[in-house]
Amino acid sequence: MDSYIESVYNKVVEKDPHQKVFHQAVLEVLESLEPAVKKYPKYKEFSILERITEPERIIQFRIPWKDRDNKIQVNRGFRIQFNSAIGPYKGGLRLHPTVTQGVLKFLGFEQVFKNSLTTLPMGGGKGGSDFDPKGKTDAEVENFCTSFMLELYRHIGQFIDIPAGDIGVGAREIGYLYGAYRKATNVHGTCVLTGKGPTYGGSLIRPEATGYGTVYFVEEMLKTKGEDLKGKTAVVSGSGNVAQFATEKCIDLGAKVIALSDSSGWIHDPDGIDREKLAWVMDLKNVRRGRIKEYAEHFKVDYTAGGSPWELKCDIALPSATQNEVDANEAKALVDNGVLAVGEGANMPCVPKAVEIFLEGKVLYGPGKAANAGGVSVSGLEMAQNSQRYFWTREEVDKRLHGIMVAIHENAYKTSEKFGAKGNYVLGANIAGFLKVADAMIIQGFYA
């Protein structure tokens, strides 16, 4: 590693030694930026790496709420406003027991470059809480969301910071959050939150966007090798929003999805998950809030407790659950079984060694900041529609989403070629996203 880049990374670790997942994200980006920093000395001169790895603002607060027994519980809330050089902060809210400041810094840092790639004017941020919505009643979730927003509303706004959903934050949670924001501020009709329901300002295709976008990106990668999705076998991890709609788009484009998972285990359906089975999964997960094991029991297929489905032979792998879910051994199994393309539906689901194995194995590998940028892209389109007080048809939004994902792929691919690593989407996406943000920071002065 270049000595300057190494010194920047060491300072990041020194400042926050326990934030391992943040260190991982920073190292992955900094290593791939080395050709750009060498080619353009101005980034070192203006200390861009030191500035871009430090959040502009970190907000932490307590969230008291009452449970079903009328007892007061307390959780921690966070908002990491990472970088606003190219637009207001934009990024999801995550509700999960694993949420810490370090996890949200990793997600916010990734979001900066992801949002830059979308072609839309959005900065990067992330937030959430260690609250776990699983097993909670609707009333408990509403109590929590209201308390959360009574603090968060002070720090957000359509020209400041626009949160969205993430793990644990679906239509129910966004509805409660928006209702609390509207009551606290007496302001309605703004794009202060995205992922809203279509009856109160949301965009069509927003729930589908991350999953659809991931598959669109994989489709573009395959085209560079003269391939397409028709007739391909796909394995998808997760069974939430991203996994559901990645599966749907795979079906649309002629691929067969043979696996889904959740935190308890995974199912293998060799006949493929068709539209009827997918509708059953959506009801299971979105309405009944059940476990994927029930799919195996209902459709009489294999279920494996724990682990992940990456041992299965497939052409396409779409890790869509959570960070660091694909380890080196699983990556090797995928390569040995002839996987053609990996598209990250989740944020950083592959450990660094797994990524290295994919690249060495000449697998088409789409990193999350490029492959799963469809969700935030349609969030940006929701913001545009809110500003116009006008809404586009489903076909119009999907067309724009597809166009954005094609543009992201083209930018990442051409950038990788420009810097001597044709087809390396890690390097291409990181440098392409970085250049836009870094140049904006320089133009706006060192205080920006």
Protein backbone atom coordinates (compact mmCIF):
# COMPACT_ATOMS: atom_id res chain seq x y z
CA MET A 1 0.00 0.00 0.00
CA ASP A 2 1.15 3.55 -0.77
CA SER A 3 2.73 5.11 2.34
CA TYR A 4 0.39 8.12 2.31
CA ILE A 5 -2.71 5.96 2.02
CA GLU A 6 -1.38 3.64 4.73
CA SER A 7 -0.86 6.61 7.07
CA VAL A 8 -4.45 7.77 6.51
CA TYR A 9 -5.77 4.28 7.25
CA ASN A 10 -3.63 3.96 10.39
CA LYS A 11 -5.03 7.24 11.72
CA VAL A 12 -8.58 5.98 11.15
CA VAL A 13 -7.81 2.83 13.17
CA GLU A 14 -6.01 4.80 15.88
CA LYS A 15 -8.95 7.15 16.41
CA ASP A 16 -11.56 4.39 16.77
CA PRO A 17 -9.73 1.10 17.39
CA HIS A 18 -12.85 -0.97 18.11
CA GLN A 19 -14.80 -0.10 14.95
CA LYS A 20 -13.58 -3.11 12.96
CA VAL A 21 -16.27 -3.12 10.27
CA PHE A 22 -15.64 0.59 9.60
CA HIS A 23 -11.91 -0.10 9.27
CA GLN A 24 -12.73 -2.87 6.77
CA ALA A 25 -14.82 -0.53 4.62
CA VAL A 26 -12.21 2.24 4.71
CA LEU A 27 -9.34 -0.11 3.84
CA GLU A 28 -11.23 -1.60 0.89
CA VAL A 29 -11.90 1.86 -0.54
CA LEU A 30 -8.48 3.40 0.18
CA GLU A 31 -6.58 0.48 -1.39
CA SER A 32 -8.55 0.81 -4.61
CA LEU A 33 -8.08 4.61 -4.71
CA GLU A 34 -4.28 4.35 -4.94
CA PRO A 35 -4.13 4.76 -8.76
CA ALA A 36 -6.32 7.89 -8.60
CA VAL A 37 -4.33 9.47 -5.76
CA LYS A 38 -1.08 8.85 -7.66
CA LYS A 39 -2.49 10.27 -10.89
CA TYR A 40 -4.00 13.35 -9.26
CA PRO A 41 -1.70 14.76 -6.52
CA LYS A 42 -4.29 17.44 -5.66
CA TYR A 43 -6.19 14.94 -3.52
CA LYS A 44 -3.19 14.58 -1.22
CA GLU A 45 -2.51 18.31 -1.30
CA PHE A 46 -6.06 19.09 -0.12
CA SER A 47 -6.10 16.21 2.45
CA ILE A 48 -9.16 14.72 0.78
CA LEU A 49 -8.59 11.21 2.14
CA GLU A 50 -8.28 12.49 5.71
CA ARG A 51 -11.47 14.51 5.30
CA ILE A 52 -13.54 11.96 3.41
CA THR A 53 -12.94 9.23 6.03
CA GLU A 54 -14.17 11.46 8.87
CA PRO A 55 -17.93 12.04 9.26
CA GLU A 56 -19.05 15.64 9.15
CA ARG A 57 -21.34 15.04 12.10
CA ILE A 58 -22.32 12.21 14.48
CA ILE A 59 -25.55 12.48 16.44
CA GLN A 60 -26.28 10.07 19.30
CA PHE A 61 -29.35 10.14 21.53
CA ARG A 62 -31.43 8.03 23.89
CA ILE A 63 -34.80 6.58 22.92
CA PRO A 64 -37.17 5.84 25.81
CA TRP A 65 -40.32 3.90 24.92
CA LYS A 66 -42.99 1.80 26.65
CA ASP A 67 -43.35 -1.93 25.98
CA ARG A 68 -46.52 -4.04 26.09
CA ASP A 69 -46.22 -4.35 29.88
CA ASN A 70 -46.08 -0.56 30.21
CA LYS A 71 -42.43 -0.72 31.27
CA ILE A 72 -40.02 1.94 30.02
CA GLN A 73 -37.25 0.61 27.80
CA VAL A 74 -34.25 2.63 26.58
CA ASN A 75 -32.34 2.20 23.31
CA ARG A 76 -29.60 4.19 21.61
CA GLY A 77 -30.26 6.17 18.48
CA PHE A 78 -27.74 7.45 15.94
CA ARG A 79 -27.49 9.53 12.80
CA ILE A 80 -24.15 9.65 10.99
CA GLN A 81 -24.10 12.62 8.60
CA PHE A 82 -21.02 11.60 6.69
CA ASN A 83 -20.57 13.84 3.65
CA SER A 84 -22.72 16.52 2.01
CA ALA A 85 -20.36 17.79 -0.71
CA ILE A 86 -22.67 16.87 -3.60
CA GLY A 87 -26.06 17.10 -1.89
CA PRO A 88 -28.01 16.65 1.36
CA TYR A 89 -27.23 13.59 3.44
CA LYS A 90 -29.11 10.53 2.19
CA GLY A 91 -29.18 7.04 3.63
CA GLY A 92 -31.26 4.54 5.51
CA LEU A 93 -32.21 3.89 9.11
CA ARG A 94 -31.37 0.42 10.46
CA LEU A 95 -33.15 -1.14 13.45
CA HIS A 96 -31.22 -4.19 14.63
CA PRO A 97 -29.46 -5.34 17.83
CA THR A 98 -26.08 -5.21 16.06
CA VAL A 99 -26.34 -1.48 15.36
CA THR A 100 -23.42 0.48 16.81
CA GLN A 101 -21.75 3.73 15.89
CA GLY A 102 -19.04 1.77 14.06
CA VAL A 103 -21.53 -0.19 11.96
CA LEU A 104 -23.35 3.00 10.98
CA LYS A 105 -20.06 4.73 10.14
CA PHE A 106 -19.24 1.87 7.77
CA LEU A 107 -22.68 2.13 6.16
CA GLY A 108 -22.54 5.93 5.95
CA PHE A 109 -19.06 5.83 4.41
CA GLU A 110 -20.20 3.33 1.77
CA GLN A 111 -23.30 5.46 1.15
CA VAL A 112 -21.18 8.48 0.15
CA PHE A 113 -19.72 6.67 -2.86
CA LYS A 114 -22.89 4.76 -3.68
CA ASN A 115 -24.91 7.98 -3.85
CA SER A 116 -22.22 9.62 -5.94
CA LEU A 117 -22.51 6.82 -8.49
CA THR A 118 -26.28 7.23 -8.90
CA THR A 119 -25.85 10.43 -10.99
CA LEU A 120 -28.22 12.17 -8.52
CA PRO A 121 -27.23 15.05 -6.16
CA MET A 122 -27.15 13.20 -2.84
CA GLY A 123 -24.60 13.13 -0.04
CA GLY A 124 -24.12 10.15 2.26
CA GLY A 125 -25.44 9.34 5.72
CA LYS A 126 -26.83 6.50 7.81
CA GLY A 127 -28.67 6.05 11.08
CA GLY A 128 -30.63 3.73 13.27
CA SER A 129 -30.84 2.07 16.65
CA ASP A 130 -30.06 -1.15 18.51
CA PHE A 131 -33.83 -1.65 18.90
CA ASP A 132 -35.04 -4.98 17.50
CA PRO A 133 -38.49 -4.82 15.84
CA LYS A 134 -38.70 -8.63 15.61
CA GLY A 135 -41.31 -10.00 17.97
CA LYS A 136 -42.60 -6.55 18.89
CA THR A 137 -46.25 -5.60 18.64
CA ASP A 138 -47.36 -2.84 16.29
CA ALA A 139 -48.01 -0.65 19.34
CA GLU A 140 -44.47 -1.20 20.64
CA VAL A 141 -42.96 -0.38 17.25
CA GLU A 142 -45.10 2.77 17.03
CA ASN A 143 -44.02 3.83 20.54
CA PHE A 144 -40.38 3.35 19.63
CA CYS A 145 -40.60 5.09 16.24
CA THR A 146 -42.40 8.09 17.74
CA SER A 147 -39.77 8.47 20.47
CA PHE A 148 -36.98 8.04 17.90
CA MET A 149 -38.41 10.74 15.63
CA LEU A 150 -39.03 13.19 18.49
CA GLU A 151 -35.25 13.57 18.62
CA LEU A 152 -34.29 12.89 15.00
CA TYR A 153 -36.64 15.51 13.50
CA ARG A 154 -34.36 18.29 14.76
CA HIS A 155 -31.52 17.08 12.56
CA ILE A 156 -33.22 16.24 9.25
CA GLY A 157 -35.07 18.02 6.46
CA GLN A 158 -35.52 17.87 2.70
CA PHE A 159 -32.49 20.12 2.11
CA ILE A 160 -30.45 18.75 5.05
CA ASP A 161 -30.79 14.99 5.55
CA ILE A 162 -33.35 12.57 4.10
CA PRO A 163 -33.43 9.16 5.82
CA ALA A 164 -34.98 6.03 4.32
CA GLY A 165 -35.44 2.41 5.38
CA ASP A 166 -32.84 -0.30 5.88
CA ILE A 167 -32.79 -3.58 7.80
CA GLY A 168 -35.71 -3.59 10.26
CA VAL A 169 -37.33 -0.51 8.74
CA GLY A 170 -40.09 -1.34 6.28
CA ALA A 171 -43.40 0.22 5.32
CA ARG A 172 -44.77 -0.04 8.87
CA GLU A 173 -41.81 1.73 10.45
CA ILE A 174 -41.58 4.44 7.78
CA GLY A 175 -45.28 5.16 8.28
CA TYR A 176 -44.90 5.60 12.03
CA LEU A 177 -41.75 7.71 11.60
CA TYR A 178 -43.37 9.98 9.03
CA GLY A 179 -46.49 10.39 11.16
CA ALA A 180 -44.36 11.42 14.13
CA TYR A 181 -42.35 13.84 11.98
CA ARG A 182 -45.52 15.43 10.61
CA LYS A 183 -46.98 15.87 14.10
CA ALA A 184 -43.73 17.29 15.52
CA THR A 185 -43.15 19.80 12.71
CA ASN A 186 -46.61 20.51 11.27
CA VAL A 187 -45.03 19.97 7.85
CA HIS A 188 -46.48 17.58 5.27
CA GLY A 189 -45.71 16.61 1.69
CA THR A 190 -41.92 16.95 1.80
CA CYS A 191 -39.26 14.42 0.90
CA VAL A 192 -37.90 14.35 4.45
CA LEU A 193 -38.27 10.56 4.44
CA THR A 194 -38.25 8.24 1.45
CA GLY A 195 -39.79 4.82 1.17
CA LYS A 196 -43.13 6.33 2.09
CA GLY A 197 -46.36 4.57 1.15
CA PRO A 198 -47.90 5.58 -2.20
CA THR A 199 -50.93 7.07 -0.42
CA TYR A 200 -48.84 9.75 1.33
CA GLY A 201 -46.06 10.70 -1.05
CA GLY A 202 -44.11 7.56 -1.81
CA SER A 203 -42.81 6.52 -5.21
CA LEU A 204 -43.88 3.44 -7.10
CA ILE A 205 -41.10 0.85 -7.46
CA ARG A 206 -39.36 2.06 -4.26
CA PRO A 207 -39.89 -1.23 -2.37
CA GLU A 208 -38.65 -3.17 -5.38
CA ALA A 209 -35.78 -0.86 -6.28
CA THR A 210 -32.77 -2.38 -4.47
CA GLY A 211 -33.55 -5.93 -5.59
CA TYR A 212 -34.46 -4.92 -9.13
CA GLY A 213 -31.39 -2.70 -9.40
CA THR A 214 -29.04 -5.46 -8.26
CA VAL A 215 -30.34 -7.77 -10.97
CA TYR A 216 -30.16 -5.00 -13.59
CA PHE A 217 -26.49 -4.45 -12.65
CA VAL A 218 -25.73 -8.18 -12.89
CA GLU A 219 -27.44 -8.23 -16.27
CA GLU A 220 -25.10 -5.46 -17.49
CA MET A 221 -22.04 -7.32 -16.19
CA LEU A 222 -23.13 -10.46 -18.02
CA LYS A 223 -23.52 -8.50 -21.27
CA THR A 224 -19.78 -7.72 -21.22
CA LYS A 225 -19.24 -11.48 -21.65
CA GLY A 226 -21.99 -11.96 -24.20
CA GLU A 227 -24.28 -13.59 -21.61
CA ASP A 228 -27.70 -12.85 -20.13
CA LEU A 229 -29.87 -14.13 -17.27
CA LYS A 230 -32.15 -16.36 -19.30
CA GLY A 231 -31.82 -19.96 -18.22
CA LYS A 232 -29.36 -19.19 -15.43
CA THR A 233 -29.64 -20.65 -11.92
CA ALA A 234 -29.47 -18.12 -9.07
CA VAL A 235 -28.96 -18.38 -5.32
CA VAL A 236 -30.23 -15.50 -3.20
CA SER A 237 -29.50 -15.05 0.51
CA GLY A 238 -31.97 -13.32 2.76
CA SER A 239 -35.73 -13.34 2.37
CA GLY A 240 -36.57 -9.73 3.16
CA ASN A 241 -37.30 -6.86 0.85
CA VAL A 242 -34.12 -6.99 -1.27
CA ALA A 243 -34.12 -10.77 -1.64
CA GLN A 244 -37.82 -10.87 -2.51
CA PHE A 245 -37.59 -8.38 -5.35
CA ALA A 246 -34.24 -9.64 -6.62
CA THR A 247 -35.99 -13.00 -6.93
CA GLU A 248 -38.93 -11.39 -8.73
CA LYS A 249 -36.68 -9.66 -11.26
CA CYS A 250 -34.70 -12.87 -11.81
CA ILE A 251 -37.99 -14.57 -12.67
CA ASP A 252 -38.88 -11.68 -15.01
CA LEU A 253 -35.58 -12.08 -16.87
CA GLY A 254 -35.73 -15.87 -17.14
CA ALA A 255 -33.47 -17.01 -14.31
CA LYS A 256 -34.39 -19.70 -11.77
CA VAL A 257 -33.88 -18.89 -8.06
CA ILE A 258 -33.30 -22.06 -6.03
CA ALA A 259 -32.54 -20.74 -2.53
CA LEU A 260 -33.51 -18.14 0.07
CA SER A 261 -32.46 -17.77 3.70
CA ASP A 262 -32.96 -15.92 6.96
CA SER A 263 -31.02 -15.69 10.22
CA SER A 264 -32.19 -19.20 11.23
CA GLY A 265 -31.22 -21.14 8.08
CA TRP A 266 -31.87 -21.62 4.37
CA ILE A 267 -34.08 -23.52 1.96
CA HIS A 268 -33.16 -25.29 -1.28
CA ASP A 269 -35.90 -25.60 -3.89
CA PRO A 270 -34.34 -27.28 -6.96
CA ASP A 271 -37.52 -26.75 -8.99
CA GLY A 272 -37.17 -23.00 -8.56
CA ILE A 273 -39.16 -20.35 -6.73
CA ASP A 274 -41.90 -19.33 -9.14
CA ARG A 275 -44.31 -16.38 -8.81
CA GLU A 276 -46.79 -18.34 -6.72
CA LYS A 277 -44.11 -19.49 -4.29
CA LEU A 278 -42.64 -15.97 -4.12
CA ALA A 279 -46.06 -14.56 -3.24
CA TRP A 280 -46.20 -17.11 -0.42
CA VAL A 281 -42.77 -15.96 0.83
CA MET A 282 -43.87 -12.32 0.75
CA ASP A 283 -46.93 -13.12 2.82
CA LEU A 284 -44.82 -15.18 5.23
CA LYS A 285 -42.23 -12.44 5.74
CA ASN A 286 -44.18 -9.21 5.30
CA VAL A 287 -47.53 -10.13 6.87
CA ARG A 288 -47.12 -13.16 9.12
CA ARG A 289 -43.48 -12.30 9.95
CA GLY A 290 -42.56 -15.98 10.01
CA ARG A 291 -39.33 -17.93 9.41
CA ILE A 292 -38.12 -19.31 6.08
CA LYS A 293 -38.21 -22.83 7.58
CA GLU A 294 -41.98 -22.68 7.09
CA TYR A 295 -41.42 -22.54 3.30
CA ALA A 296 -39.61 -25.88 3.45
CA GLU A 297 -42.41 -27.41 5.49
CA HIS A 298 -45.13 -26.04 3.18
CA PHE A 299 -43.49 -26.87 -0.17
CA LYS A 300 -41.71 -30.04 0.98
CA VAL A 301 -38.16 -28.96 0.15
CA ASP A 302 -34.86 -29.18 2.03
CA TYR A 303 -34.11 -26.84 4.93
CA THR A 304 -30.70 -26.39 6.58
CA ALA A 305 -30.52 -24.77 9.98
CA GLY A 306 -27.81 -22.12 10.23
CA GLY A 307 -25.17 -21.38 7.63
CA SER A 308 -25.71 -20.03 4.14
CA PRO A 309 -26.70 -21.47 0.75
CA TRP A 310 -23.38 -20.78 -0.97
CA GLU A 311 -22.46 -24.47 -1.22
CA LEU A 312 -25.11 -24.86 -3.92
CA LYS A 313 -24.07 -24.93 -7.56
CA CYS A 314 -25.32 -21.81 -9.34
CA ASP A 315 -24.55 -19.36 -12.14
CA ILE A 316 -25.55 -16.22 -10.24
CA ALA A 317 -25.06 -15.45 -6.53
CA LEU A 318 -26.94 -12.55 -4.96
CA PRO A 319 -25.94 -12.08 -1.28
CA SER A 320 -28.80 -9.92 -0.01
CA ALA A 321 -28.88 -10.42 3.76
CA THR A 322 -26.24 -8.50 5.73
CA GLN A 323 -22.56 -7.56 5.92
CA ASN A 324 -19.79 -10.20 5.95
CA GLU A 325 -22.12 -13.12 5.23
CA VAL A 326 -19.89 -14.68 2.53
CA ASP A 327 -16.56 -15.89 3.86
CA ALA A 328 -13.49 -17.11 1.98
CA ASN A 329 -14.48 -20.79 2.06
CA GLU A 330 -17.94 -20.01 0.71
CA ALA A 331 -16.47 -17.80 -2.01
CA LYS A 332 -14.11 -20.63 -3.01
CA ALA A 333 -17.07 -23.04 -3.14
CA LEU A 334 -18.94 -20.69 -5.45
CA VAL A 335 -15.94 -20.30 -7.75
CA ASP A 336 -15.26 -24.05 -7.77
CA ASN A 337 -18.91 -24.63 -8.68
CA GLY A 338 -18.63 -22.33 -11.68
CA VAL A 339 -20.42 -19.17 -10.56
CA LEU A 340 -20.40 -16.57 -13.35
CA ALA A 341 -21.46 -13.43 -11.48
CA VAL A 342 -21.91 -12.16 -7.92
CA GLY A 343 -24.07 -9.10 -7.29
CA GLU A 344 -24.18 -7.66 -3.78
CA GLY A 345 -27.74 -6.87 -2.80
CA ALA A 346 -26.64 -6.19 0.78
CA ASN A 347 -23.96 -3.76 1.96
CA MET A 348 -20.50 -5.37 2.04
CA PRO A 349 -21.79 -8.96 2.37
CA CYS A 350 -18.49 -10.44 1.17
CA VAL A 351 -15.42 -10.42 3.41
CA PRO A 352 -12.23 -9.00 1.81
CA LYS A 353 -10.71 -12.44 1.20
CA ALA A 354 -13.93 -13.55 -0.53
CA VAL A 355 -13.74 -10.54 -2.85
CA GLU A 356 -10.12 -11.40 -3.61
CA ILE A 357 -11.12 -14.97 -4.48
CA PHE A 358 -13.86 -13.75 -6.84
CA LEU A 359 -11.50 -11.36 -8.62
CA GLU A 360 -8.74 -13.98 -8.92
CA GLY A 361 -11.31 -16.46 -10.23
CA LYS A 362 -12.38 -14.00 -12.98
CA VAL A 363 -15.90 -13.90 -11.59
CA LEU A 364 -17.99 -10.86 -12.51
CA TYR A 365 -18.24 -9.21 -9.10
CA GLY A 366 -20.55 -6.26 -8.47
CA PRO A 367 -19.76 -4.53 -5.15
CA GLY A 368 -22.68 -3.22 -3.13
CA LYS A 369 -22.01 0.46 -3.64
CA ALA A 370 -22.68 -0.11 -7.34
CA ALA A 371 -24.89 -3.19 -7.52
CA ASN A 372 -27.36 -2.27 -4.79
CA ALA A 373 -27.56 1.46 -5.53
CA GLY A 374 -31.03 1.01 -7.03
CA GLY A 375 -32.75 1.58 -3.70
CA VAL A 376 -31.21 4.96 -3.01
CA SER A 377 -31.61 5.86 -6.69
CA VAL A 378 -35.37 5.50 -6.49
CA SER A 379 -35.28 7.32 -3.15
CA GLY A 380 -33.73 10.17 -5.13
CA LEU A 381 -36.49 9.83 -7.71
CA GLU A 382 -39.05 9.95 -4.88
CA MET A 383 -37.46 13.21 -3.70
CA ALA A 384 -37.75 14.61 -7.23
CA GLN A 385 -41.41 13.62 -7.47
CA ASN A 386 -42.17 15.14 -4.05
CA SER A 387 -40.54 18.41 -5.12
CA GLN A 388 -42.66 18.49 -8.27
CA ARG A 389 -45.85 17.52 -6.39
CA TYR A 390 -46.31 15.01 -9.17
CA PHE A 391 -45.95 11.23 -9.47
CA TRP A 392 -44.69 9.07 -12.29
CA THR A 393 -46.16 5.77 -13.41
CA ARG A 394 -44.65 2.45 -12.40
CA GLU A 395 -43.29 2.02 -15.92
CA GLU A 396 -41.66 5.48 -15.87
CA VAL A 397 -39.92 4.90 -12.52
CA ASP A 398 -38.72 1.43 -13.54
CA LYS A 399 -37.39 2.84 -16.81
CA ARG A 400 -35.47 5.54 -14.94
CA LEU A 401 -34.15 2.99 -12.43
CA HIS A 402 -32.94 0.74 -15.24
CA GLY A 403 -31.27 3.72 -16.92
CA ILE A 404 -29.48 4.67 -13.71
CA MET A 405 -28.19 1.14 -13.14
CA VAL A 406 -26.93 0.98 -16.75
CA ALA A 407 -25.17 4.33 -16.20
CA ILE A 408 -23.60 3.14 -12.92
CA HIS A 409 -22.31 0.02 -14.63
CA GLU A 410 -20.92 1.98 -17.57
CA ASN A 411 -19.19 4.48 -15.28
CA ALA A 412 -17.63 1.76 -13.11
CA TYR A 413 -16.59 -0.32 -16.12
CA LYS A 414 -15.05 2.58 -18.05
CA THR A 415 -13.27 3.86 -14.93
CA SER A 416 -11.77 0.43 -14.28
CA GLU A 417 -10.55 0.41 -17.89
CA LYS A 418 -9.11 3.94 -17.59
CA PHE A 419 -7.06 2.95 -14.55
CA GLY A 420 -5.72 -0.26 -16.03
CA ALA A 421 -7.99 -2.81 -14.36
CA LYS A 422 -10.70 -3.49 -16.95
CA GLY A 423 -13.66 -5.31 -15.44
CA ASN A 424 -12.58 -4.77 -11.82
CA TYR A 425 -15.80 -3.18 -10.55
CA VAL A 426 -14.40 -2.70 -7.03
CA LEU A 427 -11.72 -0.35 -8.30
CA GLY A 428 -13.98 1.19 -10.93
CA ALA A 429 -16.90 1.92 -8.60
CA ASN A 430 -14.73 3.23 -5.78
CA ILE A 431 -12.71 5.57 -7.98
CA ALA A 432 -15.71 6.79 -9.99
CA GLY A 433 -17.68 7.55 -6.81
CA PHE A 434 -14.67 9.15 -5.14
CA LEU A 435 -13.71 11.49 -7.98
CA LYS A 436 -17.09 13.24 -8.02
CA VAL A 437 -17.17 13.80 -4.27
CA ALA A 438 -13.49 14.73 -3.97
CA ASP A 439 -13.65 17.31 -6.76
CA ALA A 440 -16.75 18.88 -5.20
CA MET A 441 -14.94 19.11 -1.84
CA ILE A 442 -11.96 20.85 -3.44
CA ILE A 443 -14.12 23.34 -5.32
CA GLN A 444 -16.05 24.25 -2.15
CA GLY A 445 -12.93 24.92 -0.04
CA PHE A 446 -11.29 23.13 2.85
CA TYR A 447 -14.10 23.90 5.31
CA ALA A 448 -16.57 21.88 3.18
